[in-house]
Amino acid sequence: MKKSTTHPQERDSHTLNKFIWRFLALSTAKPRLITIEAETEAEARQQSPDGCVMVFSARFRAGVSHA
């Protein structure tokens, strides 16, 4: 079991450095919006589907609610 601490801004320490990355995935089929959770853009691109050109669209901090 991993130890988890709560950040002063009420964010879990496991998601503090994680981001939600969004890419437009272009392939021979129709374009798709891909969402990946990772610490860096390079890590997110490594998790992307093979054979797609990934166009960066957005980055959001994981575990943050703006309600």
Protein backbone atom coordinates (compact mmCIF):
# COMPACT_ATOMS: atom_id res chain seq x y z
CA MET A 1 0.00 0.00 0.00
CA LYS A 2 1.38 3.41 -0.97
CA LYS A 3 1.48 6.17 1.58
CA SER A 4 -0.50 9.17 0.50
CA THR A 5 -0.44 12.66 1.90
CA THR A 6 -2.81 15.49 1.22
CA HIS A 7 -1.31 18.62 -0.28
CA PRO A 8 -2.19 21.90 1.49
CA GLN A 9 -4.43 22.72 -1.47
CA GLU A 10 -6.35 19.45 -0.88
CA ARG A 11 -4.72 17.57 -3.77
CA ASP A 12 -3.53 13.98 -3.37
CA SER A 13 0.28 13.67 -3.54
CA HIS A 14 -0.02 10.90 -6.17
CA THR A 15 -1.74 13.22 -8.65
CA LEU A 16 0.17 16.39 -7.77
CA ASN A 17 2.55 16.04 -10.74
CA LYS A 18 0.09 14.30 -13.09
CA PHE A 19 -1.67 16.03 -15.92
CA ILE A 20 -4.48 15.15 -18.30
CA TRP A 21 -3.09 15.53 -21.82
CA ARG A 22 -5.41 15.85 -24.82
CA PHE A 23 -4.29 15.21 -28.36
CA LEU A 24 -5.97 15.12 -31.73
CA ALA A 25 -4.95 11.73 -33.14
CA LEU A 26 -4.71 11.76 -36.93
CA SER A 27 -4.58 8.47 -38.83
CA THR A 28 -5.99 6.94 -42.01
CA ALA A 29 -9.33 6.64 -40.22
CA LYS A 30 -11.22 9.69 -38.94
CA PRO A 31 -9.50 11.99 -36.41
CA ARG A 32 -10.07 11.19 -32.71
CA LEU A 33 -9.63 13.14 -29.47
CA ILE A 34 -7.32 11.14 -27.19
CA THR A 35 -7.05 11.77 -23.42
CA ILE A 36 -4.00 10.43 -21.51
CA GLU A 37 -2.94 10.89 -17.86
CA ALA A 38 0.83 11.31 -17.46
CA GLU A 39 3.47 13.49 -15.79
CA THR A 40 5.05 14.81 -19.00
CA GLU A 41 4.06 15.35 -22.62
CA ALA A 42 6.77 12.88 -23.70
CA GLU A 43 5.32 10.20 -21.38
CA ALA A 44 1.83 10.89 -22.75
CA ARG A 45 3.07 10.59 -26.34
CA GLN A 46 4.70 7.23 -25.50
CA GLN A 47 1.26 5.96 -24.41
CA SER A 48 -0.43 7.16 -27.60
CA PRO A 49 -1.80 4.74 -30.22
CA ASP A 50 0.69 3.45 -32.79
CA GLY A 51 0.43 4.80 -36.32
CA CYS A 52 -1.14 8.12 -35.33
CA VAL A 53 0.16 11.64 -35.67
CA MET A 54 -0.55 13.28 -32.31
CA VAL A 55 -1.37 17.01 -32.33
CA PHE A 56 -1.24 18.62 -28.87
CA SER A 57 -4.59 20.08 -27.86
CA ALA A 58 -4.65 20.75 -24.08
CA ARG A 59 -3.13 20.04 -20.67
CA PHE A 60 -5.04 20.02 -17.36
CA ARG A 61 -3.77 19.23 -13.87
CA ALA A 62 -5.16 15.86 -12.74
CA GLY A 63 -7.24 15.72 -9.57
CA VAL A 64 -8.34 19.35 -9.62
CA SER A 65 -11.99 20.30 -9.59
CA HIS A 66 -13.07 23.76 -10.74
CA ALA A 67 -16.69 23.41 -9.70
